[in-house]
Amino acid sequence: MNKGDLVGEVAKVVSTKKEAQAAVDCVFDSITKTLKKKGEVTLVGFGTFKVGKRKARTGRNPKTGEEIKIKAKNVPKFTAGKALKEAVS
């Protein structure tokens, strides 16, 4: 399922596809803004979105084999909730 498919599913519940698109965009924007502020988004039964830190490390350039330094950075992480885990298994 891609974003267009998700909008189509939401459109079945709301009046129009335009409203569904706005709703989906609003949810994604809200999650993104919260994570940018290093916050956490918890959707009970579904899961939690949070920001994790990845340490600096040494890697290799696959073309030349030379060692390169990879900087530390923040990455988004998702942890599935209990209801989602049970639904999938």
N, C-alpha and C. Protein backbone atom coordinates (compact mmCIF):
# COMPACT_ATOMS: atom_id res chain seq x y z
N MET A 1 0.85 -1.17 0.00
CA MET A 1 0.00 0.00 0.00
C MET A 1 0.90 1.23 0.00
N ASN A 2 0.57 2.17 -0.85
CA ASN A 2 1.31 3.43 -0.89
C ASN A 2 0.41 4.56 -0.39
N LYS A 3 0.89 5.79 -0.43
CA LYS A 3 0.14 6.92 0.10
C LYS A 3 -1.19 7.11 -0.63
N GLY A 4 -1.18 6.93 -1.95
CA GLY A 4 -2.42 7.06 -2.73
C GLY A 4 -3.47 6.04 -2.32
N ASP A 5 -3.02 4.81 -2.06
CA ASP A 5 -3.94 3.76 -1.60
C ASP A 5 -4.51 4.12 -0.23
N LEU A 6 -3.66 4.65 0.63
CA LEU A 6 -4.11 5.06 1.96
C LEU A 6 -5.16 6.17 1.87
N VAL A 7 -4.93 7.13 1.00
CA VAL A 7 -5.90 8.21 0.79
C VAL A 7 -7.21 7.62 0.29
N GLY A 8 -7.15 6.65 -0.59
CA GLY A 8 -8.35 5.99 -1.09
C GLY A 8 -9.14 5.31 0.01
N GLU A 9 -8.45 4.66 0.94
CA GLU A 9 -9.12 4.00 2.07
C GLU A 9 -9.77 5.02 3.00
N VAL A 10 -9.07 6.13 3.25
CA VAL A 10 -9.63 7.17 4.11
C VAL A 10 -10.82 7.83 3.41
N ALA A 11 -10.77 7.96 2.10
CA ALA A 11 -11.86 8.58 1.33
C ALA A 11 -13.16 7.79 1.45
N LYS A 12 -13.06 6.49 1.73
CA LYS A 12 -14.26 5.67 1.92
C LYS A 12 -15.01 6.07 3.18
N VAL A 13 -14.31 6.68 4.14
CA VAL A 13 -14.90 7.05 5.43
C VAL A 13 -15.34 8.52 5.43
N VAL A 14 -14.55 9.40 4.82
CA VAL A 14 -14.89 10.83 4.78
C VAL A 14 -15.63 11.14 3.47
N SER A 15 -16.04 12.37 3.31
CA SER A 15 -16.88 12.75 2.16
C SER A 15 -16.19 12.67 0.81
N THR A 16 -14.98 13.25 0.72
CA THR A 16 -14.33 13.34 -0.59
C THR A 16 -12.87 12.89 -0.51
N LYS A 17 -12.31 12.65 -1.68
CA LYS A 17 -10.90 12.26 -1.75
C LYS A 17 -10.01 13.45 -1.37
N LYS A 18 -10.48 14.66 -1.67
CA LYS A 18 -9.72 15.86 -1.32
C LYS A 18 -9.59 15.99 0.21
N GLU A 19 -10.68 15.73 0.93
CA GLU A 19 -10.64 15.76 2.39
C GLU A 19 -9.74 14.65 2.94
N ALA A 20 -9.79 13.50 2.31
CA ALA A 20 -8.95 12.37 2.73
C ALA A 20 -7.48 12.71 2.55
N GLN A 21 -7.15 13.34 1.42
CA GLN A 21 -5.76 13.75 1.15
C GLN A 21 -5.28 14.73 2.21
N ALA A 22 -6.14 15.69 2.55
CA ALA A 22 -5.79 16.68 3.57
C ALA A 22 -5.58 16.02 4.94
N ALA A 23 -6.42 15.05 5.27
CA ALA A 23 -6.31 14.35 6.55
C ALA A 23 -5.01 13.56 6.63
N VAL A 24 -4.69 12.82 5.60
CA VAL A 24 -3.46 12.01 5.58
C VAL A 24 -2.24 12.92 5.64
N ASP A 25 -2.24 14.00 4.85
CA ASP A 25 -1.12 14.94 4.88
C ASP A 25 -0.95 15.57 6.26
N CYS A 26 -2.05 15.90 6.91
CA CYS A 26 -2.00 16.50 8.24
C CYS A 26 -1.38 15.53 9.26
N VAL A 27 -1.74 14.27 9.19
CA VAL A 27 -1.19 13.27 10.11
C VAL A 27 0.32 13.14 9.89
N PHE A 28 0.73 13.00 8.63
CA PHE A 28 2.16 12.85 8.34
C PHE A 28 2.94 14.10 8.75
N ASP A 29 2.38 15.29 8.47
CA ASP A 29 3.06 16.54 8.83
C ASP A 29 3.20 16.66 10.35
N SER A 30 2.15 16.29 11.08
CA SER A 30 2.20 16.38 12.54
C SER A 30 3.26 15.45 13.12
N ILE A 31 3.34 14.24 12.60
CA ILE A 31 4.36 13.29 13.07
C ILE A 31 5.75 13.83 12.76
N THR A 32 5.94 14.35 11.56
CA THR A 32 7.24 14.88 11.14
C THR A 32 7.65 16.07 12.01
N LYS A 33 6.74 17.01 12.26
CA LYS A 33 7.06 18.18 13.08
C LYS A 33 7.44 17.78 14.50
N THR A 34 6.72 16.82 15.06
CA THR A 34 7.02 16.37 16.41
C THR A 34 8.40 15.71 16.48
N LEU A 35 8.71 14.88 15.49
CA LEU A 35 10.03 14.22 15.48
C LEU A 35 11.15 15.23 15.26
N LYS A 36 10.90 16.28 14.47
CA LYS A 36 11.92 17.31 14.27
C LYS A 36 12.29 17.98 15.59
N LYS A 37 11.31 18.10 16.49
CA LYS A 37 11.54 18.70 17.81
C LYS A 37 12.06 17.66 18.80
N LYS A 38 12.41 16.48 18.30
CA LYS A 38 12.91 15.36 19.10
C LYS A 38 11.84 14.85 20.06
N GLY A 39 10.57 15.01 19.68
CA GLY A 39 9.46 14.53 20.48
C GLY A 39 9.14 13.08 20.14
N GLU A 40 8.05 12.61 20.71
CA GLU A 40 7.62 11.22 20.53
C GLU A 40 6.12 11.21 20.22
N VAL A 41 5.71 10.37 19.27
CA VAL A 41 4.30 10.24 18.91
C VAL A 41 3.86 8.82 19.24
N THR A 42 2.91 8.69 20.17
CA THR A 42 2.42 7.38 20.57
C THR A 42 0.97 7.23 20.13
N LEU A 43 0.71 6.22 19.33
CA LEU A 43 -0.64 5.89 18.88
C LEU A 43 -0.99 4.57 19.57
N VAL A 44 -1.79 4.65 20.61
CA VAL A 44 -2.08 3.49 21.45
C VAL A 44 -2.64 2.35 20.59
N GLY A 45 -2.07 1.18 20.73
CA GLY A 45 -2.48 0.01 19.97
C GLY A 45 -1.79 -0.11 18.63
N PHE A 46 -1.23 0.99 18.12
CA PHE A 46 -0.55 0.95 16.82
C PHE A 46 0.95 0.94 16.99
N GLY A 47 1.48 1.97 17.68
CA GLY A 47 2.92 2.01 17.88
C GLY A 47 3.40 3.39 18.27
N THR A 48 4.73 3.51 18.36
CA THR A 48 5.36 4.76 18.77
C THR A 48 6.44 5.15 17.79
N PHE A 49 6.40 6.42 17.39
CA PHE A 49 7.44 7.01 16.56
C PHE A 49 8.33 7.83 17.48
N LYS A 50 9.64 7.67 17.40
CA LYS A 50 10.56 8.47 18.19
C LYS A 50 11.87 8.66 17.44
N VAL A 51 12.71 9.52 18.00
CA VAL A 51 14.00 9.83 17.38
C VAL A 51 15.08 9.06 18.11
N GLY A 52 15.91 8.35 17.35
CA GLY A 52 17.04 7.64 17.92
C GLY A 52 18.33 8.27 17.44
N LYS A 53 19.41 8.00 18.14
CA LYS A 53 20.71 8.54 17.74
C LYS A 53 21.56 7.42 17.17
N ARG A 54 22.17 7.70 16.06
CA ARG A 54 23.11 6.76 15.46
C ARG A 54 24.52 7.31 15.70
N LYS A 55 25.40 6.51 16.26
CA LYS A 55 26.75 6.95 16.59
C LYS A 55 27.58 7.14 15.32
N ALA A 56 28.62 7.93 15.45
CA ALA A 56 29.58 8.09 14.36
C ALA A 56 30.32 6.76 14.20
N ARG A 57 30.67 6.46 12.98
CA ARG A 57 31.35 5.18 12.74
C ARG A 57 32.23 5.29 11.50
N THR A 58 33.03 4.26 11.31
CA THR A 58 33.89 4.19 10.13
C THR A 58 33.26 3.23 9.14
N GLY A 59 33.20 3.66 7.88
CA GLY A 59 32.65 2.81 6.83
C GLY A 59 33.65 2.67 5.70
N ARG A 60 33.23 2.03 4.64
CA ARG A 60 34.10 1.87 3.47
C ARG A 60 33.38 2.33 2.21
N ASN A 61 34.12 2.99 1.36
CA ASN A 61 33.62 3.35 0.05
C ASN A 61 33.59 2.07 -0.78
N PRO A 62 32.41 1.60 -1.22
CA PRO A 62 32.35 0.32 -1.93
C PRO A 62 33.10 0.33 -3.26
N LYS A 63 33.27 1.49 -3.84
CA LYS A 63 33.95 1.56 -5.14
C LYS A 63 35.47 1.45 -5.00
N THR A 64 36.02 2.17 -4.00
CA THR A 64 37.47 2.21 -3.86
C THR A 64 37.99 1.37 -2.71
N GLY A 65 37.12 1.06 -1.76
CA GLY A 65 37.54 0.30 -0.59
C GLY A 65 38.19 1.15 0.48
N GLU A 66 38.29 2.45 0.24
CA GLU A 66 38.93 3.33 1.21
C GLU A 66 37.99 3.60 2.39
N GLU A 67 38.59 3.76 3.58
CA GLU A 67 37.81 4.02 4.79
C GLU A 67 37.30 5.46 4.77
N ILE A 68 36.05 5.63 5.22
CA ILE A 68 35.47 6.97 5.33
C ILE A 68 34.82 7.10 6.71
N LYS A 69 34.75 8.33 7.19
CA LYS A 69 34.10 8.59 8.47
C LYS A 69 32.65 8.95 8.21
N ILE A 70 31.75 8.29 8.93
CA ILE A 70 30.33 8.57 8.83
C ILE A 70 29.93 9.30 10.09
N LYS A 71 29.34 10.49 9.94
CA LYS A 71 28.99 11.34 11.08
C LYS A 71 27.82 10.75 11.87
N ALA A 72 27.75 11.13 13.14
CA ALA A 72 26.61 10.76 13.99
C ALA A 72 25.39 11.54 13.48
N LYS A 73 24.20 10.92 13.62
CA LYS A 73 23.00 11.63 13.19
C LYS A 73 21.78 11.06 13.91
N ASN A 74 20.70 11.82 13.85
CA ASN A 74 19.43 11.38 14.41
C ASN A 74 18.64 10.65 13.33
N VAL A 75 17.96 9.58 13.72
CA VAL A 75 17.17 8.80 12.77
C VAL A 75 15.79 8.51 13.38
N PRO A 76 14.75 8.46 12.53
CA PRO A 76 13.42 8.12 13.05
C PRO A 76 13.34 6.63 13.33
N LYS A 77 12.63 6.27 14.41
CA LYS A 77 12.44 4.87 14.76
C LYS A 77 10.96 4.63 15.04
N PHE A 78 10.49 3.43 14.73
CA PHE A 78 9.12 3.06 14.99
C PHE A 78 9.12 1.75 15.77
N THR A 79 8.33 1.72 16.86
CA THR A 79 8.16 0.51 17.64
C THR A 79 6.69 0.14 17.58
N ALA A 80 6.40 -1.05 17.09
CA ALA A 80 5.01 -1.50 16.95
C ALA A 80 4.38 -1.73 18.32
N GLY A 81 3.09 -1.39 18.43
CA GLY A 81 2.34 -1.60 19.66
C GLY A 81 1.84 -3.03 19.75
N LYS A 82 1.33 -3.39 20.89
CA LYS A 82 0.89 -4.75 21.17
C LYS A 82 -0.21 -5.20 20.20
N ALA A 83 -1.21 -4.35 19.98
CA ALA A 83 -2.33 -4.71 19.09
C ALA A 83 -1.85 -4.95 17.66
N LEU A 84 -0.92 -4.13 17.19
CA LEU A 84 -0.39 -4.29 15.84
C LEU A 84 0.41 -5.58 15.73
N LYS A 85 1.21 -5.89 16.73
CA LYS A 85 2.00 -7.11 16.73
C LYS A 85 1.10 -8.34 16.69
N GLU A 86 0.04 -8.29 17.50
CA GLU A 86 -0.89 -9.42 17.54
C GLU A 86 -1.65 -9.58 16.22
N ALA A 87 -2.00 -8.46 15.58
CA ALA A 87 -2.74 -8.51 14.32
C ALA A 87 -1.90 -9.11 13.21
N VAL A 88 -0.59 -8.86 13.25
CA VAL A 88 0.30 -9.34 12.20
C VAL A 88 0.67 -10.81 12.39
N SER A 89 0.80 -11.24 13.64
CA SER A 89 1.24 -12.62 13.86
C SER A 89 0.11 -13.62 13.84
